C-alpha atoms as a PDB file:
ATOM      1  CA  MET A   1      -0.297   0.068  -0.032  1.00  0.00           C
ATOM      2  CA  LEU A   2       3.065   2.276   0.974  1.00  0.00           C
ATOM      3  CA  CYS A   3       4.282   1.706  -2.798  1.00  0.00           C
ATOM      4  CA  VAL A   4       1.241   2.644  -4.360  1.00  0.00           C
ATOM      5  CA  THR A   5       0.744   5.867  -2.365  1.00  0.00           C
ATOM      6  CA  PHE A   6       4.440   7.053  -3.302  1.00  0.00           C
ATOM      7  CA  PHE A   7       3.452   6.195  -6.804  1.00  0.00           C
ATOM      8  CA  LEU A   8       0.550   8.164  -6.901  1.00  0.00           C
ATOM      9  CA  GLN A   9       2.178  11.338  -5.262  1.00  0.00           C
ATOM     10  CA  TYR A  10       5.053  10.926  -7.396  1.00  0.00           C
ATOM     11  CA  PHE A  11       2.786  10.835 -10.474  1.00  0.00           C
ATOM     12  CA  THR A  12       0.788  13.893  -9.401  1.00  0.00           C
ATOM     13  CA  ILE A  13       4.145  15.959  -8.976  1.00  0.00           C
ATOM     14  CA  LEU A  14       5.196  15.021 -12.175  1.00  0.00           C
ATOM     15  CA  LEU A  15       1.825  16.004 -13.485  1.00  0.00           C
ATOM     16  CA  VAL A  16       1.985  19.086 -11.953  1.00  0.00           C
ATOM     17  CA  ILE A  17       5.095  19.983 -13.226  1.00  0.00           C
ATOM     18  CA  LEU A  18       4.257  18.675 -16.960  1.00  0.00           C
ATOM     19  CA  VAL A  19       0.742  20.961 -16.688  1.00  0.00           C
ATOM     20  CA  GLY A  20       2.728  24.105 -15.592  1.00  0.00           C
ATOM     21  CA  MET A  21       5.746  23.489 -18.295  1.00  0.00           C
ATOM     22  CA  VAL A  22       2.608  23.110 -21.267  1.00  0.00           C
ATOM     23  CA  VAL A  23       0.733  26.307 -19.784  1.00  0.00           C
ATOM     24  CA  THR A  24       3.947  28.572 -19.278  1.00  0.00           C
ATOM     25  CA  SER A  25       4.746  27.098 -23.204  1.00  0.00           C
ATOM     26  CA  ALA A  26       1.275  28.280 -24.397  1.00  0.00           C
ATOM     27  CA  LEU A  27       1.495  31.768 -22.713  1.00  0.00           C
ATOM     28  CA  GLY A  28       5.108  32.475 -24.058  1.00  0.00           C
ATOM     29  CA  TYR A  29       4.003  31.588 -27.797  1.00  0.00           C
ATOM     30  CA  VAL A  30       0.464  33.888 -27.317  1.00  0.00           C
ATOM     31  CA  TYR A  31       2.837  36.797 -25.766  1.00  0.00           C
ATOM     32  CA  ARG A  32       5.767  36.372 -27.913  1.00  0.00           C
ATOM     33  CA  THR A  33       5.364  39.419 -29.652  1.00  0.00           C
ATOM     34  CA  ASP A  34       4.433  41.418 -26.711  1.00  0.00           C
ATOM     35  CA  VAL A  35       8.017  40.340 -24.936  1.00  0.00           C
ATOM     36  CA  LYS A  36       9.993  40.705 -28.094  1.00  0.00           C
ATOM     37  CA  SER A  37       8.600  44.272 -28.396  1.00  0.00           C
ATOM     38  CA  ALA A  38       8.917  45.222 -25.002  1.00  0.00           C
ATOM     39  CA  VAL A  39      12.753  43.632 -24.897  1.00  0.00           C
ATOM     40  CA  HIS A  40      13.403  45.486 -28.101  1.00  0.00           C
ATOM     41  CA  ASP A  41      11.976  48.903 -26.681  1.00  0.00           C
ATOM     42  CA  GLY A  42      13.949  48.847 -23.703  1.00  0.00           C
ATOM     43  CA  ILE A  43      17.160  48.258 -25.273  1.00  0.00           C
ATOM     44  CA  THR A  44      16.483  50.778 -27.595  1.00  0.00           C
ATOM     45  CA  ASP A  45      15.644  53.341 -24.821  1.00  0.00           C
ATOM     46  CA  GLY A  46      18.692  52.651 -22.843  1.00  0.00           C
ATOM     47  CA  LEU A  47      20.953  52.939 -25.858  1.00  0.00           C
ATOM     48  CA  ASN A  48      19.362  56.021 -27.014  1.00  0.00           C
ATOM     49  CA  LYS A  49      19.790  57.422 -23.210  1.00  0.00           C
ATOM     50  CA  TYR A  50      23.694  56.187 -23.416  1.00  0.00           C
ATOM     51  CA  GLY A  51      26.204  59.296 -22.473  1.00  0.00           C
ATOM     52  CA  ASN A  52      22.842  61.350 -21.776  1.00  0.00           C
ATOM     53  CA  ASP A  53      21.967  59.941 -18.417  1.00  0.00           C
ATOM     54  CA  THR A  54      24.723  58.727 -16.001  1.00  0.00           C
ATOM     55  CA  THR A  55      22.595  55.858 -14.667  1.00  0.00           C
ATOM     56  CA  TYR A  56      22.157  54.250 -18.021  1.00  0.00           C
ATOM     57  CA  THR A  57      25.851  55.138 -19.114  1.00  0.00           C
ATOM     58  CA  ASN A  58      26.983  53.438 -16.089  1.00  0.00           C
ATOM     59  CA  GLU A  59      25.167  50.357 -16.121  1.00  0.00           C
ATOM     60  CA  ILE A  60      25.917  49.730 -19.841  1.00  0.00           C
ATOM     61  CA  ASP A  61      29.704  50.329 -19.136  1.00  0.00           C
ATOM     62  CA  PHE A  62      29.711  47.986 -16.379  1.00  0.00           C
ATOM     63  CA  MET A  63      28.015  45.226 -18.677  1.00  0.00           C
ATOM     64  CA  GLN A  64      30.464  45.772 -21.233  1.00  0.00           C
ATOM     65  CA  LYS A  65      33.521  45.635 -18.887  1.00  0.00           C
ATOM     66  CA  ASN A  66      32.643  42.662 -16.459  1.00  0.00           C
ATOM     67  CA  VAL A  67      30.333  40.648 -18.241  1.00  0.00           C
ATOM     68  CA  GLY A  68      32.363  38.142 -21.124  1.00  0.00           C
ATOM     69  CA  GLY A  69      35.837  38.616 -22.183  1.00  0.00           C
ATOM     70  CA  ASN A  70      38.932  38.408 -19.860  1.00  0.00           C
ATOM     71  CA  ASN A  71      37.032  39.470 -16.700  1.00  0.00           C
ATOM     72  CA  GLN A  72      33.812  37.295 -16.788  1.00  0.00           C
ATOM     73  CA  LEU A  73      31.376  37.617 -13.922  1.00  0.00           C
ATOM     74  CA  ILE A  74      28.960  35.022 -15.013  1.00  0.00           C
ATOM     75  CA  TYR A  75      31.281  31.938 -16.362  1.00  0.00           C
ATOM     76  CA  ARG A  76      34.566  31.391 -14.282  1.00  0.00           C
ATOM     77  CA  PRO A  77      36.400  28.429 -16.049  1.00  0.00           C
ATOM     78  CA  VAL A  78      36.623  25.296 -13.786  1.00  0.00           C
ATOM     79  CA  ASP A  79      40.329  23.755 -14.302  1.00  0.00           C
ATOM     80  CA  ILE A  80      38.709  19.991 -14.177  1.00  0.00           C
ATOM     81  CA  ASN A  81      42.216  18.520 -13.960  1.00  0.00           C
ATOM     82  CA  SER A  82      42.700  20.146  -9.996  1.00  0.00           C
ATOM     83  CA  HIS A  83      41.698  17.706  -7.391  1.00  0.00           C
ATOM     84  CA  ALA A  84      40.509  20.506  -5.028  1.00  0.00           C
END
């Protein structure tokens, strides 16, 4: 009886995750143009304000300097040969 209860709980959790993924995908498809235009408008607005507004200028300079390239904040290479 315990095995059946565990199976039902496991199945229910997987079903909820699957339904959530399907709903999220459907909403993403429905609102894709709204999201695309919002991102495009935000980037365009920020780049137009670059040099004129110190907040935008500082944030864009920070991203250009610190994200990617030689001084990476997001990705740090890991030495797979070290056993530390």
